[in-house]
Amino acid sequence: QRATYAAVTRAAQNEDKVMIDFVGKLDGVVFQGGEARDYPVTLGSGRMMPEFEAAIVGMNIGEVKSFNMTFPENYHGKDVAGKEVIFTITLKSVEEPVLPEVDADFAMAVGINDGDVSKLVDEIRSNLAREVERRLKSRNKEAAMDALAKVATFELPKALVSHEMERLMHQTVQDMEQRGMKMKGMQLPPELFRERAEKRVKLGLVLADLVEKNGLDAQPEKIRALVEDYAQSFEHPEDVVRWYYADPSRLQEIENLVLEENVVEWVLARAQVTDKPLEFAELMGN
């Protein structure tokens, strides 16, 4: 996050920040959203489709490149979903990330008041340990939820599924707009979200039933502990705690997470669990 970028003249590679012009054509006609000038892309960030970013890697400044690319069937732009288009890219500039030197000045810049680098190392190690624990919990939670979804067989209320499909669709549009994509006039078919919506509705009903029947309510002390755990990743944890408790809707999100944790713990205590070795890079890469 503290990296700066410096212009280079070599070919583009992953992690570089590049500036491009591009034109995408379907049957010889530029499609909606398929053209831009001076468009910034950080290679490897996942902002663009993998095939698009891969085509830029290896290009030199001033080079013009054309390539075919097929959009996935579930792509949000229905005009090009599942279709092959031709992109032409012009690479205009390449910048590589430059990492700062880890010294007293850097330590102070990231919140170590006395500039002690060893304290920074300890803080990073502590943050990594917390992140590892969170990711392991997330994997266990996903496995438990998948198991619950498979064993729960009942007819879902159509109104709830439709509402969740609409909610997911609007959320996706907002996320894409925040990433700089122009969504005006573009419609996302609600059916794209049916599978996710059905799973979310099913799990919501199953979790509510398990919580009620097994007394798995979110206790205030567990809510507080989770808020404080999240806050530890920030420079001023006490401000983050106050921020959560200042808004009931934000606190409700934490309460929902605690309820899910309670259900996961309940499931794992009754399930046959097999330990699986996992490399650090694999865990942090997902």
C-alpha atoms as a PDB file:
ATOM      1  CA  GLN A   1       0.000   0.000   0.000  1.00  0.00           C
ATOM      2  CA  ARG A   2       2.963   2.353   0.495  1.00  0.00           C
ATOM      3  CA  ALA A   3       4.491   1.580  -2.878  1.00  0.00           C
ATOM      4  CA  THR A   4       5.081   4.369  -5.365  1.00  0.00           C
ATOM      5  CA  TYR A   5       5.315   3.921  -9.123  1.00  0.00           C
ATOM      6  CA  ALA A   6       8.152   4.848 -11.460  1.00  0.00           C
ATOM      7  CA  ALA A   7       8.072   4.968 -15.255  1.00  0.00           C
ATOM      8  CA  VAL A   8      10.008   2.231 -17.074  1.00  0.00           C
ATOM      9  CA  THR A   9      10.719   1.497 -20.731  1.00  0.00           C
ATOM     10  CA  ARG A  10      10.710  -2.308 -20.571  1.00  0.00           C
ATOM     11  CA  ALA A  11       7.830  -4.578 -21.543  1.00  0.00           C
ATOM     12  CA  ALA A  12       4.813  -4.675 -19.241  1.00  0.00           C
ATOM     13  CA  GLN A  13       4.647  -7.363 -16.571  1.00  0.00           C
ATOM     14  CA  ASN A  14       2.424  -8.330 -13.664  1.00  0.00           C
ATOM     15  CA  GLU A  15       2.117  -5.744 -10.864  1.00  0.00           C
ATOM     16  CA  ASP A  16       2.918  -2.900 -13.280  1.00  0.00           C
ATOM     17  CA  LYS A  17       0.538   0.015 -13.628  1.00  0.00           C
ATOM     18  CA  VAL A  18      -0.092   0.663 -17.322  1.00  0.00           C
ATOM     19  CA  MET A  19      -2.018   3.236 -19.349  1.00  0.00           C
ATOM     20  CA  ILE A  20      -3.842   1.955 -22.411  1.00  0.00           C
ATOM     21  CA  ASP A  21      -6.297   2.837 -25.134  1.00  0.00           C
ATOM     22  CA  PHE A  22      -8.565  -0.012 -26.164  1.00  0.00           C
ATOM     23  CA  VAL A  23     -11.366  -0.713 -28.608  1.00  0.00           C
ATOM     24  CA  GLY A  24     -13.531  -3.823 -28.532  1.00  0.00           C
ATOM     25  CA  LYS A  25     -15.656  -4.828 -31.513  1.00  0.00           C
ATOM     26  CA  LEU A  26     -18.395  -7.399 -31.966  1.00  0.00           C
ATOM     27  CA  ASP A  27     -19.041  -8.246 -35.614  1.00  0.00           C
ATOM     28  CA  GLY A  28     -17.022  -5.187 -36.605  1.00  0.00           C
ATOM     29  CA  VAL A  29     -19.005  -2.751 -34.419  1.00  0.00           C
ATOM     30  CA  VAL A  30     -17.791  -1.193 -31.156  1.00  0.00           C
ATOM     31  CA  PHE A  31     -19.999  -2.555 -28.361  1.00  0.00           C
ATOM     32  CA  GLN A  32     -21.249  -0.583 -25.355  1.00  0.00           C
ATOM     33  CA  GLY A  33     -18.464  -0.096 -22.820  1.00  0.00           C
ATOM     34  CA  GLY A  34     -15.923  -1.509 -25.267  1.00  0.00           C
ATOM     35  CA  GLU A  35     -13.865   1.622 -25.851  1.00  0.00           C
ATOM     36  CA  ALA A  36     -11.690   3.814 -23.610  1.00  0.00           C
ATOM     37  CA  ARG A  37      -8.706   6.156 -23.806  1.00  0.00           C
ATOM     38  CA  ASP A  38      -5.983   6.690 -21.197  1.00  0.00           C
ATOM     39  CA  TYR A  39      -7.386   3.807 -19.178  1.00  0.00           C
ATOM     40  CA  PRO A  40      -5.272   2.778 -16.146  1.00  0.00           C
ATOM     41  CA  VAL A  41      -4.842  -0.910 -15.361  1.00  0.00           C
ATOM     42  CA  THR A  42      -2.772  -2.518 -12.616  1.00  0.00           C
ATOM     43  CA  LEU A  43      -1.777  -5.876 -14.069  1.00  0.00           C
ATOM     44  CA  GLY A  44      -2.681  -8.778 -11.824  1.00  0.00           C
ATOM     45  CA  SER A  45      -5.241  -6.783  -9.848  1.00  0.00           C
ATOM     46  CA  GLY A  46      -8.174  -8.644 -11.373  1.00  0.00           C
ATOM     47  CA  ARG A  47      -9.952  -5.430 -12.313  1.00  0.00           C
ATOM     48  CA  MET A  48     -10.139  -6.568 -15.932  1.00  0.00           C
ATOM     49  CA  MET A  49     -10.807 -10.064 -17.231  1.00  0.00           C
ATOM     50  CA  PRO A  50      -7.747 -12.355 -16.922  1.00  0.00           C
ATOM     51  CA  GLU A  51      -7.468 -12.825 -20.699  1.00  0.00           C
ATOM     52  CA  PHE A  52      -7.471  -9.051 -21.203  1.00  0.00           C
ATOM     53  CA  GLU A  53      -4.707  -8.446 -18.646  1.00  0.00           C
ATOM     54  CA  ALA A  54      -2.700 -11.394 -19.979  1.00  0.00           C
ATOM     55  CA  ALA A  55      -2.734  -9.827 -23.449  1.00  0.00           C
ATOM     56  CA  ILE A  56      -1.074  -6.672 -22.087  1.00  0.00           C
ATOM     57  CA  VAL A  57       1.745  -8.558 -20.370  1.00  0.00           C
ATOM     58  CA  GLY A  58       4.790  -8.506 -22.638  1.00  0.00           C
ATOM     59  CA  MET A  59       3.683  -5.496 -24.677  1.00  0.00           C
ATOM     60  CA  ASN A  60       6.064  -2.572 -25.184  1.00  0.00           C
ATOM     61  CA  ILE A  61       5.227   1.124 -25.030  1.00  0.00           C
ATOM     62  CA  GLY A  62       3.695   2.263 -28.308  1.00  0.00           C
ATOM     63  CA  GLU A  63       2.845  -1.278 -29.369  1.00  0.00           C
ATOM     64  CA  VAL A  64      -0.597  -1.975 -30.818  1.00  0.00           C
ATOM     65  CA  LYS A  65      -2.023  -5.451 -30.345  1.00  0.00           C
ATOM     66  CA  SER A  66      -5.241  -7.111 -31.498  1.00  0.00           C
ATOM     67  CA  PHE A  67      -6.589 -10.344 -30.058  1.00  0.00           C
ATOM     68  CA  ASN A  68      -9.788 -12.353 -29.837  1.00  0.00           C
ATOM     69  CA  MET A  69     -11.501 -12.896 -26.500  1.00  0.00           C
ATOM     70  CA  THR A  70     -14.687 -14.744 -25.586  1.00  0.00           C
ATOM     71  CA  PHE A  71     -16.771 -13.357 -22.742  1.00  0.00           C
ATOM     72  CA  PRO A  72     -18.236 -15.860 -20.259  1.00  0.00           C
ATOM     73  CA  GLU A  73     -21.890 -16.825 -20.613  1.00  0.00           C
ATOM     74  CA  ASN A  74     -22.757 -15.094 -17.325  1.00  0.00           C
ATOM     75  CA  TYR A  75     -20.994 -11.818 -18.170  1.00  0.00           C
ATOM     76  CA  HIS A  76     -22.940  -8.757 -16.977  1.00  0.00           C
ATOM     77  CA  GLY A  77     -23.036  -7.174 -20.457  1.00  0.00           C
ATOM     78  CA  LYS A  78     -25.724  -9.274 -22.108  1.00  0.00           C
ATOM     79  CA  ASP A  79     -24.846  -7.957 -25.593  1.00  0.00           C
ATOM     80  CA  VAL A  80     -21.452  -9.688 -25.482  1.00  0.00           C
ATOM     81  CA  ALA A  81     -22.075 -12.492 -22.960  1.00  0.00           C
ATOM     82  CA  GLY A  82     -20.858 -15.773 -24.410  1.00  0.00           C
ATOM     83  CA  LYS A  83     -19.637 -14.087 -27.588  1.00  0.00           C
ATOM     84  CA  GLU A  84     -16.226 -13.647 -29.175  1.00  0.00           C
ATOM     85  CA  VAL A  85     -15.020 -10.071 -29.672  1.00  0.00           C
ATOM     86  CA  ILE A  86     -11.867  -8.492 -31.064  1.00  0.00           C
ATOM     87  CA  PHE A  87      -9.933  -6.093 -28.848  1.00  0.00           C
ATOM     88  CA  THR A  88      -7.256  -3.702 -30.073  1.00  0.00           C
ATOM     89  CA  ILE A  89      -4.985  -2.325 -27.346  1.00  0.00           C
ATOM     90  CA  THR A  90      -2.428   0.467 -27.540  1.00  0.00           C
ATOM     91  CA  LEU A  91       0.064   0.512 -24.665  1.00  0.00           C
ATOM     92  CA  LYS A  92       0.907   4.124 -23.779  1.00  0.00           C
ATOM     93  CA  SER A  93       2.951   3.891 -20.576  1.00  0.00           C
ATOM     94  CA  VAL A  94       4.341   1.425 -18.045  1.00  0.00           C
ATOM     95  CA  GLU A  95       5.143   2.083 -14.388  1.00  0.00           C
ATOM     96  CA  GLU A  96       6.598  -0.403 -11.932  1.00  0.00           C
ATOM     97  CA  PRO A  97       5.980  -0.459  -8.171  1.00  0.00           C
ATOM     98  CA  VAL A  98       8.821   0.844  -6.014  1.00  0.00           C
ATOM     99  CA  LEU A  99       8.777  -0.394  -2.437  1.00  0.00           C
ATOM    100  CA  PRO A 100      10.008   2.020   0.245  1.00  0.00           C
ATOM    101  CA  GLU A 101      13.030   1.236   2.399  1.00  0.00           C
ATOM    102  CA  VAL A 102      12.045  -0.238   5.747  1.00  0.00           C
ATOM    103  CA  ASP A 103      13.704   2.204   8.132  1.00  0.00           C
ATOM    104  CA  ALA A 104      12.758   4.476  11.029  1.00  0.00           C
ATOM    105  CA  ASP A 105      11.036   6.977   8.735  1.00  0.00           C
ATOM    106  CA  PHE A 106       8.932   4.232   7.188  1.00  0.00           C
ATOM    107  CA  ALA A 107       8.053   2.816  10.616  1.00  0.00           C
ATOM    108  CA  MET A 108       6.884   6.237  11.802  1.00  0.00           C
ATOM    109  CA  ALA A 109       4.874   6.723   8.609  1.00  0.00           C
ATOM    110  CA  VAL A 110       2.865   3.575   9.373  1.00  0.00           C
ATOM    111  CA  GLY A 111       2.170   4.450  12.998  1.00  0.00           C
ATOM    112  CA  ILE A 112       5.241   3.396  15.023  1.00  0.00           C
ATOM    113  CA  ASN A 113       5.773   6.684  16.853  1.00  0.00           C
ATOM    114  CA  ASP A 114       9.374   6.094  17.932  1.00  0.00           C
ATOM    115  CA  GLY A 115      10.421   4.610  14.568  1.00  0.00           C
ATOM    116  CA  ASP A 116      11.498   1.294  16.107  1.00  0.00           C
ATOM    117  CA  VAL A 117      11.588  -1.146  13.181  1.00  0.00           C
ATOM    118  CA  SER A 118      11.520  -4.170  15.513  1.00  0.00           C
ATOM    119  CA  LYS A 119       8.143  -2.986  16.840  1.00  0.00           C
ATOM    120  CA  LEU A 120       6.912  -2.756  13.268  1.00  0.00           C
ATOM    121  CA  VAL A 121       8.045  -6.333  12.622  1.00  0.00           C
ATOM    122  CA  ASP A 122       6.234  -7.518  15.766  1.00  0.00           C
ATOM    123  CA  GLU A 123       3.076  -5.700  14.692  1.00  0.00           C
ATOM    124  CA  ILE A 124       3.212  -7.218  11.205  1.00  0.00           C
ATOM    125  CA  ARG A 125       3.726 -10.681  12.678  1.00  0.00           C
ATOM    126  CA  SER A 126       0.753 -10.164  15.005  1.00  0.00           C
ATOM    127  CA  ASN A 127      -1.439  -8.923  12.146  1.00  0.00           C
ATOM    128  CA  LEU A 128      -0.447 -11.906  10.001  1.00  0.00           C
ATOM    129  CA  ALA A 129      -1.321 -14.307  12.813  1.00  0.00           C
ATOM    130  CA  ARG A 130      -4.760 -12.697  13.119  1.00  0.00           C
ATOM    131  CA  GLU A 131      -5.263 -12.850   9.354  1.00  0.00           C
ATOM    132  CA  VAL A 132      -4.285 -16.535   9.248  1.00  0.00           C
ATOM    133  CA  GLU A 133      -6.795 -17.289  12.011  1.00  0.00           C
ATOM    134  CA  ARG A 134      -9.526 -15.370  10.174  1.00  0.00           C
ATOM    135  CA  ARG A 135      -8.880 -17.150   6.894  1.00  0.00           C
ATOM    136  CA  LEU A 136      -8.887 -20.562   8.545  1.00  0.00           C
ATOM    137  CA  LYS A 137     -12.170 -19.692  10.250  1.00  0.00           C
ATOM    138  CA  SER A 138     -13.537 -18.523   6.907  1.00  0.00           C
ATOM    139  CA  ARG A 139     -12.617 -21.829   5.240  1.00  0.00           C
ATOM    140  CA  ASN A 140     -14.180 -23.841   8.056  1.00  0.00           C
ATOM    141  CA  LYS A 141     -17.271 -21.640   7.912  1.00  0.00           C
ATOM    142  CA  GLU A 142     -17.613 -22.135   4.159  1.00  0.00           C
ATOM    143  CA  ALA A 143     -17.291 -25.909   4.532  1.00  0.00           C
ATOM    144  CA  ALA A 144     -19.880 -25.990   7.320  1.00  0.00           C
ATOM    145  CA  MET A 145     -22.319 -23.809   5.378  1.00  0.00           C
ATOM    146  CA  ASP A 146     -21.920 -25.930   2.250  1.00  0.00           C
ATOM    147  CA  ALA A 147     -22.669 -29.039   4.306  1.00  0.00           C
ATOM    148  CA  LEU A 148     -25.797 -27.453   5.792  1.00  0.00           C
ATOM    149  CA  ALA A 149     -27.001 -26.352   2.369  1.00  0.00           C
ATOM    150  CA  LYS A 150     -26.617 -29.886   0.994  1.00  0.00           C
ATOM    151  CA  VAL A 151     -28.518 -31.660   3.768  1.00  0.00           C
ATOM    152  CA  ALA A 152     -31.325 -29.092   3.996  1.00  0.00           C
ATOM    153  CA  THR A 153     -34.034 -30.035   1.501  1.00  0.00           C
ATOM    154  CA  PHE A 154     -37.211 -27.961   1.542  1.00  0.00           C
ATOM    155  CA  GLU A 155     -39.090 -25.665  -0.792  1.00  0.00           C
ATOM    156  CA  LEU A 156     -37.868 -22.091  -0.633  1.00  0.00           C
ATOM    157  CA  PRO A 157     -40.282 -19.141  -0.428  1.00  0.00           C
ATOM    158  CA  LYS A 158     -40.309 -17.671  -3.936  1.00  0.00           C
ATOM    159  CA  ALA A 159     -40.744 -14.118  -2.660  1.00  0.00           C
ATOM    160  CA  LEU A 160     -37.597 -14.362  -0.520  1.00  0.00           C
ATOM    161  CA  VAL A 161     -35.581 -15.768  -3.413  1.00  0.00           C
ATOM    162  CA  SER A 162     -36.783 -13.040  -5.794  1.00  0.00           C
ATOM    163  CA  HIS A 163     -35.977 -10.336  -3.251  1.00  0.00           C
ATOM    164  CA  GLU A 164     -32.481 -11.748  -2.722  1.00  0.00           C
ATOM    165  CA  MET A 165     -31.877 -11.967  -6.478  1.00  0.00           C
ATOM    166  CA  GLU A 166     -32.769  -8.287  -6.840  1.00  0.00           C
ATOM    167  CA  ARG A 167     -30.574  -7.352  -3.892  1.00  0.00           C
ATOM    168  CA  LEU A 168     -27.576  -9.223  -5.304  1.00  0.00           C
ATOM    169  CA  MET A 169     -28.121  -7.670  -8.728  1.00  0.00           C
ATOM    170  CA  HIS A 170     -28.200  -4.101  -7.366  1.00  0.00           C
ATOM    171  CA  GLN A 171     -25.188  -4.803  -5.154  1.00  0.00           C
ATOM    172  CA  THR A 172     -23.220  -6.063  -8.167  1.00  0.00           C
ATOM    173  CA  VAL A 173     -24.093  -2.956 -10.191  1.00  0.00           C
ATOM    174  CA  GLN A 174     -22.971  -0.690  -7.338  1.00  0.00           C
ATOM    175  CA  ASP A 175     -19.714  -2.616  -6.930  1.00  0.00           C
ATOM    176  CA  MET A 176     -18.941  -2.352 -10.636  1.00  0.00           C
ATOM    177  CA  GLU A 177     -19.713   1.372 -10.701  1.00  0.00           C
ATOM    178  CA  GLN A 178     -17.399   1.908  -7.731  1.00  0.00           C
ATOM    179  CA  ARG A 179     -14.664   0.174  -9.741  1.00  0.00           C
ATOM    180  CA  GLY A 180     -15.108   2.771 -12.487  1.00  0.00           C
ATOM    181  CA  MET A 181     -17.256   0.784 -14.918  1.00  0.00           C
ATOM    182  CA  LYS A 182     -20.088   2.607 -16.695  1.00  0.00           C
ATOM    183  CA  MET A 183     -23.288   0.679 -16.019  1.00  0.00           C
ATOM    184  CA  LYS A 184     -25.843   3.254 -17.174  1.00  0.00           C
ATOM    185  CA  GLY A 185     -28.307   1.602 -19.525  1.00  0.00           C
ATOM    186  CA  MET A 186     -26.897  -1.878 -18.902  1.00  0.00           C
ATOM    187  CA  GLN A 187     -29.211  -4.502 -17.443  1.00  0.00           C
ATOM    188  CA  LEU A 188     -28.058  -7.527 -15.469  1.00  0.00           C
ATOM    189  CA  PRO A 189     -30.461 -10.466 -15.820  1.00  0.00           C
ATOM    190  CA  PRO A 190     -31.725 -11.380 -12.325  1.00  0.00           C
ATOM    191  CA  GLU A 191     -31.496 -15.067 -13.290  1.00  0.00           C
ATOM    192  CA  LEU A 192     -27.691 -14.763 -13.123  1.00  0.00           C
ATOM    193  CA  PHE A 193     -28.063 -14.525  -9.356  1.00  0.00           C
ATOM    194  CA  ARG A 194     -30.654 -17.252  -8.767  1.00  0.00           C
ATOM    195  CA  GLU A 195     -28.231 -19.956  -7.583  1.00  0.00           C
ATOM    196  CA  ARG A 196     -26.507 -17.640  -5.094  1.00  0.00           C
ATOM    197  CA  ALA A 197     -29.832 -16.221  -3.947  1.00  0.00           C
ATOM    198  CA  GLU A 198     -31.346 -19.657  -3.338  1.00  0.00           C
ATOM    199  CA  LYS A 199     -28.311 -20.739  -1.325  1.00  0.00           C
ATOM    200  CA  ARG A 200     -28.341 -17.558   0.767  1.00  0.00           C
ATOM    201  CA  VAL A 201     -32.073 -17.828   1.476  1.00  0.00           C
ATOM    202  CA  LYS A 202     -31.785 -21.508   2.369  1.00  0.00           C
ATOM    203  CA  LEU A 203     -28.860 -20.900   4.721  1.00  0.00           C
ATOM    204  CA  GLY A 204     -30.627 -17.931   6.299  1.00  0.00           C
ATOM    205  CA  LEU A 205     -33.649 -20.057   7.146  1.00  0.00           C
ATOM    206  CA  VAL A 206     -31.539 -22.995   8.357  1.00  0.00           C
ATOM    207  CA  LEU A 207     -29.364 -20.762  10.545  1.00  0.00           C
ATOM    208  CA  ALA A 208     -32.387 -19.032  12.076  1.00  0.00           C
ATOM    209  CA  ASP A 209     -33.890 -22.420  12.935  1.00  0.00           C
ATOM    210  CA  LEU A 210     -30.652 -23.748  14.479  1.00  0.00           C
ATOM    211  CA  VAL A 211     -30.135 -20.568  16.506  1.00  0.00           C
ATOM    212  CA  GLU A 212     -33.666 -20.711  17.915  1.00  0.00           C
ATOM    213  CA  LYS A 213     -33.712 -24.430  18.702  1.00  0.00           C
ATOM    214  CA  ASN A 214     -30.211 -24.625  20.205  1.00  0.00           C
ATOM    215  CA  GLY A 215     -29.884 -21.309  22.021  1.00  0.00           C
ATOM    216  CA  LEU A 216     -27.098 -20.016  19.779  1.00  0.00           C
ATOM    217  CA  ASP A 217     -27.935 -16.334  20.179  1.00  0.00           C
ATOM    218  CA  ALA A 218     -25.181 -13.731  19.834  1.00  0.00           C
ATOM    219  CA  GLN A 219     -24.091 -12.716  23.326  1.00  0.00           C
ATOM    220  CA  PRO A 220     -22.983  -9.075  23.880  1.00  0.00           C
ATOM    221  CA  GLU A 221     -19.522 -10.141  25.043  1.00  0.00           C
ATOM    222  CA  LYS A 222     -18.906 -12.119  21.830  1.00  0.00           C
ATOM    223  CA  ILE A 223     -20.094  -9.192  19.728  1.00  0.00           C
ATOM    224  CA  ARG A 224     -17.719  -6.888  21.598  1.00  0.00           C
ATOM    225  CA  ALA A 225     -14.827  -9.335  21.217  1.00  0.00           C
ATOM    226  CA  LEU A 226     -15.333  -9.574  17.445  1.00  0.00           C
ATOM    227  CA  VAL A 227     -15.539  -5.787  17.068  1.00  0.00           C
ATOM    228  CA  GLU A 228     -12.314  -5.369  19.054  1.00  0.00           C
ATOM    229  CA  ASP A 229     -10.630  -8.078  16.986  1.00  0.00           C
ATOM    230  CA  TYR A 230     -11.483  -6.262  13.753  1.00  0.00           C
ATOM    231  CA  ALA A 231     -10.369  -2.956  15.246  1.00  0.00           C
ATOM    232  CA  GLN A 232      -6.871  -4.264  16.032  1.00  0.00           C
ATOM    233  CA  SER A 233      -5.963  -4.038  12.342  1.00  0.00           C
ATOM    234  CA  PHE A 234      -6.347  -0.245  12.391  1.00  0.00           C
ATOM    235  CA  GLU A 235      -4.072   2.499  13.632  1.00  0.00           C
ATOM    236  CA  HIS A 236      -6.612   3.738  16.199  1.00  0.00           C
ATOM    237  CA  PRO A 237      -8.625   0.687  17.334  1.00  0.00           C
ATOM    238  CA  GLU A 238     -10.683   2.616  19.880  1.00  0.00           C
ATOM    239  CA  ASP A 239     -12.063   4.868  17.121  1.00  0.00           C
ATOM    240  CA  VAL A 240     -13.116   1.825  15.096  1.00  0.00           C
ATOM    241  CA  VAL A 241     -14.907   0.320  18.104  1.00  0.00           C
ATOM    242  CA  ARG A 242     -16.809   3.569  18.658  1.00  0.00           C
ATOM    243  CA  TRP A 243     -17.645   3.691  14.936  1.00  0.00           C
ATOM    244  CA  TYR A 244     -19.295   0.267  15.095  1.00  0.00           C
ATOM    245  CA  TYR A 245     -21.261   0.996  18.261  1.00  0.00           C
ATOM    246  CA  ALA A 246     -22.427   4.384  16.954  1.00  0.00           C
ATOM    247  CA  ASP A 247     -24.633   2.773  14.306  1.00  0.00           C
ATOM    248  CA  PRO A 248     -27.085  -0.081  15.087  1.00  0.00           C
ATOM    249  CA  SER A 249     -26.982  -1.274  11.461  1.00  0.00           C
ATOM    250  CA  ARG A 250     -23.191  -1.708  11.587  1.00  0.00           C
ATOM    251  CA  LEU A 251     -23.458  -3.534  14.889  1.00  0.00           C
ATOM    252  CA  GLN A 252     -26.179  -5.748  13.410  1.00  0.00           C
ATOM    253  CA  GLU A 253     -23.692  -6.913  10.771  1.00  0.00           C
ATOM    254  CA  ILE A 254     -21.319  -7.998  13.543  1.00  0.00           C
ATOM    255  CA  GLU A 255     -24.151  -9.722  15.404  1.00  0.00           C
ATOM    256  CA  ASN A 256     -24.994 -11.691  12.254  1.00  0.00           C
ATOM    257  CA  LEU A 257     -21.365 -12.790  11.974  1.00  0.00           C
ATOM    258  CA  VAL A 258     -21.381 -13.942  15.598  1.00  0.00           C
ATOM    259  CA  LEU A 259     -24.557 -15.937  14.967  1.00  0.00           C
ATOM    260  CA  GLU A 260     -22.866 -17.610  11.999  1.00  0.00           C
ATOM    261  CA  GLU A 261     -19.791 -18.373  14.114  1.00  0.00           C
ATOM    262  CA  ASN A 262     -22.002 -19.927  16.795  1.00  0.00           C
ATOM    263  CA  VAL A 263     -23.698 -22.158  14.237  1.00  0.00           C
ATOM    264  CA  VAL A 264     -20.365 -23.173  12.677  1.00  0.00           C
ATOM    265  CA  GLU A 265     -18.977 -24.098  16.104  1.00  0.00           C
ATOM    266  CA  TRP A 266     -22.146 -26.095  16.807  1.00  0.00           C
ATOM    267  CA  VAL A 267     -21.848 -27.950  13.481  1.00  0.00           C
ATOM    268  CA  LEU A 268     -18.112 -28.664  13.804  1.00  0.00           C
ATOM    269  CA  ALA A 269     -18.606 -30.011  17.326  1.00  0.00           C
ATOM    270  CA  ARG A 270     -20.970 -32.625  15.898  1.00  0.00           C
ATOM    271  CA  ALA A 271     -19.277 -33.332  12.572  1.00  0.00           C
ATOM    272  CA  GLN A 272     -16.488 -35.671  11.578  1.00  0.00           C
ATOM    273  CA  VAL A 273     -13.609 -33.286  10.911  1.00  0.00           C
ATOM    274  CA  THR A 274     -10.462 -34.207   8.971  1.00  0.00           C
ATOM    275  CA  ASP A 275      -7.392 -32.000   9.374  1.00  0.00           C
ATOM    276  CA  LYS A 276      -5.788 -30.957   6.092  1.00  0.00           C
ATOM    277  CA  PRO A 277      -2.249 -29.493   5.833  1.00  0.00           C
ATOM    278  CA  LEU A 278      -2.244 -26.130   4.071  1.00  0.00           C
ATOM    279  CA  GLU A 279       0.680 -24.064   2.825  1.00  0.00           C
ATOM    280  CA  PHE A 280       0.792 -20.429   3.972  1.00  0.00           C
ATOM    281  CA  ALA A 281       0.921 -19.133   0.379  1.00  0.00           C
ATOM    282  CA  GLU A 282      -2.148 -21.159  -0.591  1.00  0.00           C
ATOM    283  CA  LEU A 283      -4.092 -19.888   2.409  1.00  0.00           C
ATOM    284  CA  MET A 284      -3.216 -16.237   1.845  1.00  0.00           C
ATOM    285  CA  GLY A 285      -3.677 -16.438  -1.902  1.00  0.00           C
ATOM    286  CA  ASN A 286      -7.380 -17.259  -1.702  1.00  0.00           C
END
